[in-house]
Amino acid sequence: MKFLLTFFTVALMALASPAWAEISRDDATSLARQATGGRVLAVEKIEREGRPVWRVKVLTPQGEVRLVLIDVASGRTL
């Protein structure tokens, strides 16, 4: 009986968590800051080549406005 309870508990936990985690808006903001050293002005989720990406507008320390695209699924900067 204890084995069945443990088995079902582990099975439910596995089903409850996603196979992969999406990068949140806050994570995208942090990644863009790290990549540029700048200040984030805006963040929005868009689609690029059929995949969701975060479009992060950053003001760099040099005063330039730069767009950083971050893949929602992997967190990679594109």
PDB file of N, CA and C in Angstrom:
ATOM      1  N   MET A   1       0.825  -1.197   0.000  1.00  0.00           N
ATOM      2  CA  MET A   1       0.000   0.000   0.000  1.00  0.00           C
ATOM      3  C   MET A   1       0.874   1.267   0.000  1.00  0.00           C
ATOM      4  N   LYS A   2       1.931   1.234   0.809  1.00  0.00           N
ATOM      5  CA  LYS A   2       2.816   2.392   0.872  1.00  0.00           C
ATOM      6  C   LYS A   2       3.492   2.625  -0.481  1.00  0.00           C
ATOM      7  N   PHE A   3       3.846   1.537  -1.174  1.00  0.00           N
ATOM      8  CA  PHE A   3       4.453   1.647  -2.498  1.00  0.00           C
ATOM      9  C   PHE A   3       3.511   2.338  -3.466  1.00  0.00           C
ATOM     10  N   LEU A   4       2.234   1.958  -3.461  1.00  0.00           N
ATOM     11  CA  LEU A   4       1.258   2.572  -4.362  1.00  0.00           C
ATOM     12  C   LEU A   4       1.092   4.058  -4.074  1.00  0.00           C
ATOM     13  N   LEU A   5       1.053   4.417  -2.824  1.00  0.00           N
ATOM     14  CA  LEU A   5       0.917   5.826  -2.440  1.00  0.00           C
ATOM     15  C   LEU A   5       2.129   6.626  -2.932  1.00  0.00           C
ATOM     16  N   THR A   6       3.314   6.071  -2.746  1.00  0.00           N
ATOM     17  CA  THR A   6       4.527   6.735  -3.210  1.00  0.00           C
ATOM     18  C   THR A   6       4.526   6.844  -4.733  1.00  0.00           C
ATOM     19  N   PHE A   7       4.149   5.772  -5.410  1.00  0.00           N
ATOM     20  CA  PHE A   7       4.103   5.764  -6.867  1.00  0.00           C
ATOM     21  C   PHE A   7       3.160   6.833  -7.392  1.00  0.00           C
ATOM     22  N   PHE A   8       1.946   6.904  -6.849  1.00  0.00           N
ATOM     23  CA  PHE A   8       0.971   7.884  -7.319  1.00  0.00           C
ATOM     24  C   PHE A   8       1.397   9.314  -6.997  1.00  0.00           C
ATOM     25  N   THR A   9       2.041   9.510  -5.870  1.00  0.00           N
ATOM     26  CA  THR A   9       2.530  10.840  -5.509  1.00  0.00           C
ATOM     27  C   THR A   9       3.592  11.301  -6.498  1.00  0.00           C
ATOM     28  N   VAL A  10       4.541  10.423  -6.820  1.00  0.00           N
ATOM     29  CA  VAL A  10       5.593  10.767  -7.770  1.00  0.00           C
ATOM     30  C   VAL A  10       4.988  10.995  -9.159  1.00  0.00           C
ATOM     31  N   ALA A  11       4.038  10.162  -9.556  1.00  0.00           N
ATOM     32  CA  ALA A  11       3.402  10.313 -10.868  1.00  0.00           C
ATOM     33  C   ALA A  11       2.671  11.647 -10.969  1.00  0.00           C
ATOM     34  N   LEU A  12       1.952  12.027  -9.943  1.00  0.00           N
ATOM     35  CA  LEU A  12       1.231  13.303  -9.956  1.00  0.00           C
ATOM     36  C   LEU A  12       2.187  14.490  -9.995  1.00  0.00           C
ATOM     37  N   MET A  13       3.291  14.393  -9.291  1.00  0.00           N
ATOM     38  CA  MET A  13       4.271  15.473  -9.310  1.00  0.00           C
ATOM     39  C   MET A  13       4.885  15.619 -10.698  1.00  0.00           C
ATOM     40  N   ALA A  14       5.148  14.507 -11.354  1.00  0.00           N
ATOM     41  CA  ALA A  14       5.727  14.553 -12.697  1.00  0.00           C
ATOM     42  C   ALA A  14       4.749  15.157 -13.692  1.00  0.00           C
ATOM     43  N   LEU A  15       3.482  14.856 -13.539  1.00  0.00           N
ATOM     44  CA  LEU A  15       2.475  15.402 -14.442  1.00  0.00           C
ATOM     45  C   LEU A  15       2.209  16.876 -14.188  1.00  0.00           C
ATOM     46  N   ALA A  16       2.392  17.308 -12.960  1.00  0.00           N
ATOM     47  CA  ALA A  16       2.091  18.696 -12.597  1.00  0.00           C
ATOM     48  C   ALA A  16       3.147  19.668 -13.122  1.00  0.00           C
ATOM     49  N   SER A  17       4.389  19.235 -13.225  1.00  0.00           N
ATOM     50  CA  SER A  17       5.440  20.137 -13.693  1.00  0.00           C
ATOM     51  C   SER A  17       5.605  19.987 -15.201  1.00  0.00           C
ATOM     52  N   PRO A  18       5.816  21.109 -15.906  1.00  0.00           N
ATOM     53  CA  PRO A  18       5.971  21.030 -17.359  1.00  0.00           C
ATOM     54  C   PRO A  18       7.273  20.351 -17.748  1.00  0.00           C
ATOM     55  N   ALA A  19       7.314  19.821 -18.958  1.00  0.00           N
ATOM     56  CA  ALA A  19       8.521  19.168 -19.445  1.00  0.00           C
ATOM     57  C   ALA A  19       9.646  20.192 -19.622  1.00  0.00           C
ATOM     58  N   TRP A  20       9.292  21.425 -19.957  1.00  0.00           N
ATOM     59  CA  TRP A  20      10.265  22.506 -20.065  1.00  0.00           C
ATOM     60  C   TRP A  20       9.614  23.758 -19.496  1.00  0.00           C
ATOM     61  N   ALA A  21      10.400  24.622 -18.961  1.00  0.00           N
ATOM     62  CA  ALA A  21       9.863  25.839 -18.369  1.00  0.00           C
ATOM     63  C   ALA A  21      10.064  26.999 -19.334  1.00  0.00           C
ATOM     64  N   GLU A  22       9.064  27.821 -19.440  1.00  0.00           N
ATOM     65  CA  GLU A  22       9.186  29.012 -20.268  1.00  0.00           C
ATOM     66  C   GLU A  22       9.920  30.094 -19.497  1.00  0.00           C
ATOM     67  N   ILE A  23      10.602  30.941 -20.232  1.00  0.00           N
ATOM     68  CA  ILE A  23      11.289  32.087 -19.646  1.00  0.00           C
ATOM     69  C   ILE A  23      10.228  33.153 -19.377  1.00  0.00           C
ATOM     70  N   SER A  24      10.191  33.648 -18.155  1.00  0.00           N
ATOM     71  CA  SER A  24       9.198  34.657 -17.782  1.00  0.00           C
ATOM     72  C   SER A  24       9.640  36.040 -18.261  1.00  0.00           C
ATOM     73  N   ARG A  25       8.733  36.991 -18.162  1.00  0.00           N
ATOM     74  CA  ARG A  25       9.038  38.381 -18.498  1.00  0.00           C
ATOM     75  C   ARG A  25      10.190  38.900 -17.634  1.00  0.00           C
ATOM     76  N   ASP A  26      10.166  38.573 -16.359  1.00  0.00           N
ATOM     77  CA  ASP A  26      11.230  39.016 -15.446  1.00  0.00           C
ATOM     78  C   ASP A  26      12.575  38.379 -15.808  1.00  0.00           C
ATOM     79  N   ASP A  27      12.534  37.089 -16.179  1.00  0.00           N
ATOM     80  CA  ASP A  27      13.771  36.420 -16.603  1.00  0.00           C
ATOM     81  C   ASP A  27      14.328  37.074 -17.862  1.00  0.00           C
ATOM     82  N   ALA A  28      13.453  37.388 -18.809  1.00  0.00           N
ATOM     83  CA  ALA A  28      13.887  38.042 -20.047  1.00  0.00           C
ATOM     84  C   ALA A  28      14.503  39.406 -19.749  1.00  0.00           C
ATOM     85  N   THR A  29      13.916  40.132 -18.823  1.00  0.00           N
ATOM     86  CA  THR A  29      14.453  41.432 -18.420  1.00  0.00           C
ATOM     87  C   THR A  29      15.864  41.276 -17.861  1.00  0.00           C
ATOM     88  N   SER A  30      16.045  40.311 -16.977  1.00  0.00           N
ATOM     89  CA  SER A  30      17.366  40.075 -16.387  1.00  0.00           C
ATOM     90  C   SER A  30      18.393  39.661 -17.432  1.00  0.00           C
ATOM     91  N   LEU A  31      17.996  38.779 -18.345  1.00  0.00           N
ATOM     92  CA  LEU A  31      18.914  38.329 -19.392  1.00  0.00           C
ATOM     93  C   LEU A  31      19.336  39.483 -20.301  1.00  0.00           C
ATOM     94  N   ALA A  32      18.398  40.361 -20.639  1.00  0.00           N
ATOM     95  CA  ALA A  32      18.716  41.506 -21.502  1.00  0.00           C
ATOM     96  C   ALA A  32      19.645  42.478 -20.778  1.00  0.00           C
ATOM     97  N   ARG A  33      19.424  42.689 -19.493  1.00  0.00           N
ATOM     98  CA  ARG A  33      20.309  43.559 -18.712  1.00  0.00           C
ATOM     99  C   ARG A  33      21.726  43.000 -18.689  1.00  0.00           C
ATOM    100  N   GLN A  34      21.834  41.691 -18.466  1.00  0.00           N
ATOM    101  CA  GLN A  34      23.152  41.052 -18.424  1.00  0.00           C
ATOM    102  C   GLN A  34      23.845  41.139 -19.778  1.00  0.00           C
ATOM    103  N   ALA A  35      23.090  40.976 -20.854  1.00  0.00           N
ATOM    104  CA  ALA A  35      23.677  40.977 -22.198  1.00  0.00           C
ATOM    105  C   ALA A  35      24.158  42.352 -22.629  1.00  0.00           C
ATOM    106  N   THR A  36      23.489  43.408 -22.149  1.00  0.00           N
ATOM    107  CA  THR A  36      23.802  44.754 -22.635  1.00  0.00           C
ATOM    108  C   THR A  36      24.384  45.679 -21.579  1.00  0.00           C
ATOM    109  N   GLY A  37      24.134  45.388 -20.319  1.00  0.00           N
ATOM    110  CA  GLY A  37      24.547  46.294 -19.256  1.00  0.00           C
ATOM    111  C   GLY A  37      23.692  47.539 -19.192  1.00  0.00           C
ATOM    112  N   GLY A  38      22.558  47.514 -19.904  1.00  0.00           N
ATOM    113  CA  GLY A  38      21.702  48.694 -19.995  1.00  0.00           C
ATOM    114  C   GLY A  38      20.465  48.626 -19.130  1.00  0.00           C
ATOM    115  N   ARG A  39      19.585  49.603 -19.360  1.00  0.00           N
ATOM    116  CA  ARG A  39      18.336  49.728 -18.622  1.00  0.00           C
ATOM    117  C   ARG A  39      17.192  49.322 -19.540  1.00  0.00           C
ATOM    118  N   VAL A  40      16.335  48.426 -19.057  1.00  0.00           N
ATOM    119  CA  VAL A  40      15.229  47.926 -19.863  1.00  0.00           C
ATOM    120  C   VAL A  40      14.125  48.983 -19.918  1.00  0.00           C
ATOM    121  N   LEU A  41      13.697  49.277 -21.150  1.00  0.00           N
ATOM    122  CA  LEU A  41      12.636  50.263 -21.366  1.00  0.00           C
ATOM    123  C   LEU A  41      11.274  49.611 -21.573  1.00  0.00           C
ATOM    124  N   ALA A  42      11.242  48.466 -22.265  1.00  0.00           N
ATOM    125  CA  ALA A  42       9.968  47.805 -22.560  1.00  0.00           C
ATOM    126  C   ALA A  42      10.217  46.331 -22.855  1.00  0.00           C
ATOM    127  N   VAL A  43       9.211  45.512 -22.547  1.00  0.00           N
ATOM    128  CA  VAL A  43       9.277  44.079 -22.822  1.00  0.00           C
ATOM    129  C   VAL A  43       7.926  43.649 -23.368  1.00  0.00           C
ATOM    130  N   GLU A  44       7.951  42.909 -24.483  1.00  0.00           N
ATOM    131  CA  GLU A  44       6.706  42.358 -25.004  1.00  0.00           C
ATOM    132  C   GLU A  44       6.978  41.006 -25.637  1.00  0.00           C
ATOM    133  N   LYS A  45       5.973  40.145 -25.611  1.00  0.00           N
ATOM    134  CA  LYS A  45       6.088  38.827 -26.226  1.00  0.00           C
ATOM    135  C   LYS A  45       5.565  38.920 -27.648  1.00  0.00           C
ATOM    136  N   ILE A  46       6.400  38.474 -28.598  1.00  0.00           N
ATOM    137  CA  ILE A  46       6.015  38.477 -30.010  1.00  0.00           C
ATOM    138  C   ILE A  46       6.320  37.106 -30.596  1.00  0.00           C
ATOM    139  N   GLU A  47       5.980  36.938 -31.867  1.00  0.00           N
ATOM    140  CA  GLU A  47       6.308  35.714 -32.572  1.00  0.00           C
ATOM    141  C   GLU A  47       7.310  36.022 -33.671  1.00  0.00           C
ATOM    142  N   ARG A  48       8.345  35.196 -33.763  1.00  0.00           N
ATOM    143  CA  ARG A  48       9.362  35.356 -34.808  1.00  0.00           C
ATOM    144  C   ARG A  48       9.632  33.989 -35.408  1.00  0.00           C
ATOM    145  N   GLU A  49       9.417  33.886 -36.691  1.00  0.00           N
ATOM    146  CA  GLU A  49       9.591  32.626 -37.402  1.00  0.00           C
ATOM    147  C   GLU A  49       8.780  31.504 -36.754  1.00  0.00           C
ATOM    148  N   GLY A  50       7.580  31.844 -36.310  1.00  0.00           N
ATOM    149  CA  GLY A  50       6.676  30.861 -35.731  1.00  0.00           C
ATOM    150  C   GLY A  50       6.961  30.471 -34.294  1.00  0.00           C
ATOM    151  N   ARG A  51       7.917  31.143 -33.664  1.00  0.00           N
ATOM    152  CA  ARG A  51       8.272  30.820 -32.277  1.00  0.00           C
ATOM    153  C   ARG A  51       8.068  32.042 -31.402  1.00  0.00           C
ATOM    154  N   PRO A  52       7.606  31.847 -30.170  1.00  0.00           N
ATOM    155  CA  PRO A  52       7.449  32.988 -29.267  1.00  0.00           C
ATOM    156  C   PRO A  52       8.798  33.473 -28.755  1.00  0.00           C
ATOM    157  N   VAL A  53       8.980  34.782 -28.772  1.00  0.00           N
ATOM    158  CA  VAL A  53      10.200  35.405 -28.258  1.00  0.00           C
ATOM    159  C   VAL A  53       9.822  36.643 -27.444  1.00  0.00           C
ATOM    160  N   TRP A  54      10.703  36.979 -26.524  1.00  0.00           N
ATOM    161  CA  TRP A  54      10.562  38.235 -25.798  1.00  0.00           C
ATOM    162  C   TRP A  54      11.334  39.294 -26.566  1.00  0.00           C
ATOM    163  N   ARG A  55      10.691  40.413 -26.842  1.00  0.00           N
ATOM    164  CA  ARG A  55      11.333  41.560 -27.501  1.00  0.00           C
ATOM    165  C   ARG A  55      11.588  42.584 -26.392  1.00  0.00           C
ATOM    166  N   VAL A  56      12.852  42.789 -26.086  1.00  0.00           N
ATOM    167  CA  VAL A  56      13.232  43.660 -24.976  1.00  0.00           C
ATOM    168  C   VAL A  56      13.943  44.883 -25.531  1.00  0.00           C
ATOM    169  N   LYS A  57      13.402  46.056 -25.251  1.00  0.00           N
ATOM    170  CA  LYS A  57      14.012  47.314 -25.673  1.00  0.00           C
ATOM    171  C   LYS A  57      14.872  47.821 -24.512  1.00  0.00           C
ATOM    172  N   VAL A  58      16.150  48.074 -24.817  1.00  0.00           N
ATOM    173  CA  VAL A  58      17.134  48.430 -23.782  1.00  0.00           C
ATOM    174  C   VAL A  58      17.829  49.733 -24.156  1.00  0.00           C
ATOM    175  N   LEU A  59      18.075  50.567 -23.157  1.00  0.00           N
ATOM    176  CA  LEU A  59      18.905  51.757 -23.312  1.00  0.00           C
ATOM    177  C   LEU A  59      20.293  51.393 -22.790  1.00  0.00           C
ATOM    178  N   THR A  60      21.289  51.353 -23.694  1.00  0.00           N
ATOM    179  CA  THR A  60      22.641  50.935 -23.310  1.00  0.00           C
ATOM    180  C   THR A  60      23.340  52.052 -22.540  1.00  0.00           C
ATOM    181  N   PRO A  61      24.427  51.737 -21.847  1.00  0.00           N
ATOM    182  CA  PRO A  61      25.194  52.766 -21.146  1.00  0.00           C
ATOM    183  C   PRO A  61      25.747  53.836 -22.087  1.00  0.00           C
ATOM    184  N   GLN A  62      25.882  53.516 -23.377  1.00  0.00           N
ATOM    185  CA  GLN A  62      26.367  54.482 -24.365  1.00  0.00           C
ATOM    186  C   GLN A  62      25.237  55.375 -24.894  1.00  0.00           C
ATOM    187  N   GLY A  63      24.025  55.160 -24.412  1.00  0.00           N
ATOM    188  CA  GLY A  63      22.903  55.991 -24.829  1.00  0.00           C
ATOM    189  C   GLY A  63      22.169  55.498 -26.062  1.00  0.00           C
ATOM    190  N   GLU A  64      22.479  54.308 -26.540  1.00  0.00           N
ATOM    191  CA  GLU A  64      21.812  53.745 -27.713  1.00  0.00           C
ATOM    192  C   GLU A  64      20.618  52.895 -27.289  1.00  0.00           C
ATOM    193  N   VAL A  65      19.568  52.919 -28.099  1.00  0.00           N
ATOM    194  CA  VAL A  65      18.435  52.038 -27.870  1.00  0.00           C
ATOM    195  C   VAL A  65      18.688  50.772 -28.685  1.00  0.00           C
ATOM    196  N   ARG A  66      18.598  49.626 -28.016  1.00  0.00           N
ATOM    197  CA  ARG A  66      18.895  48.353 -28.661  1.00  0.00           C
ATOM    198  C   ARG A  66      17.765  47.374 -28.392  1.00  0.00           C
ATOM    199  N   LEU A  67      17.434  46.543 -29.383  1.00  0.00           N
ATOM    200  CA  LEU A  67      16.441  45.495 -29.208  1.00  0.00           C
ATOM    201  C   LEU A  67      17.149  44.170 -28.973  1.00  0.00           C
ATOM    202  N   VAL A  68      16.707  43.455 -27.964  1.00  0.00           N
ATOM    203  CA  VAL A  68      17.248  42.139 -27.658  1.00  0.00           C
ATOM    204  C   VAL A  68      16.094  41.151 -27.767  1.00  0.00           C
ATOM    205  N   LEU A  69      16.268  40.106 -28.573  1.00  0.00           N
ATOM    206  CA  LEU A  69      15.257  39.070 -28.719  1.00  0.00           C
ATOM    207  C   LEU A  69      15.702  37.843 -27.929  1.00  0.00           C
ATOM    208  N   ILE A  70      14.806  37.338 -27.084  1.00  0.00           N
ATOM    209  CA  ILE A  70      15.115  36.197 -26.229  1.00  0.00           C
ATOM    210  C   ILE A  70      14.082  35.107 -26.475  1.00  0.00           C
ATOM    211  N   ASP A  71      14.561  33.918 -26.818  1.00  0.00           N
ATOM    212  CA  ASP A  71      13.684  32.786 -27.071  1.00  0.00           C
ATOM    213  C   ASP A  71      12.955  32.414 -25.776  1.00  0.00           C
ATOM    214  N   VAL A  72      11.629  32.313 -25.846  1.00  0.00           N
ATOM    215  CA  VAL A  72      10.824  32.022 -24.655  1.00  0.00           C
ATOM    216  C   VAL A  72      11.097  30.621 -24.131  1.00  0.00           C
ATOM    217  N   ALA A  73      11.298  29.662 -25.009  1.00  0.00           N
ATOM    218  CA  ALA A  73      11.479  28.283 -24.583  1.00  0.00           C
ATOM    219  C   ALA A  73      12.867  28.013 -23.996  1.00  0.00           C
ATOM    220  N   SER A  74      13.905  28.587 -24.597  1.00  0.00           N
ATOM    221  CA  SER A  74      15.266  28.249 -24.185  1.00  0.00           C
ATOM    222  C   SER A  74      15.977  29.334 -23.377  1.00  0.00           C
ATOM    223  N   GLY A  75      15.548  30.591 -23.533  1.00  0.00           N
ATOM    224  CA  GLY A  75      16.234  31.690 -22.876  1.00  0.00           C
ATOM    225  C   GLY A  75      17.448  32.188 -23.643  1.00  0.00           C
ATOM    226  N   ARG A  76      17.664  31.648 -24.838  1.00  0.00           N
ATOM    227  CA  ARG A  76      18.805  32.082 -25.662  1.00  0.00           C
ATOM    228  C   ARG A  76      18.543  33.444 -26.254  1.00  0.00           C
ATOM    229  N   THR A  77      19.586  34.255 -26.313  1.00  0.00           N
ATOM    230  CA  THR A  77      19.505  35.541 -26.986  1.00  0.00           C
ATOM    231  C   THR A  77      19.658  35.291 -28.479  1.00  0.00           C
ATOM    232  N   LEU A  78      18.740  35.857 -29.267  1.00  0.00           N
ATOM    233  CA  LEU A  78      18.774  35.638 -30.712  1.00  0.00           C
ATOM    234  C   LEU A  78      19.454  36.798 -31.418  1.00  0.00           C
TER     235      LEU A  78
END
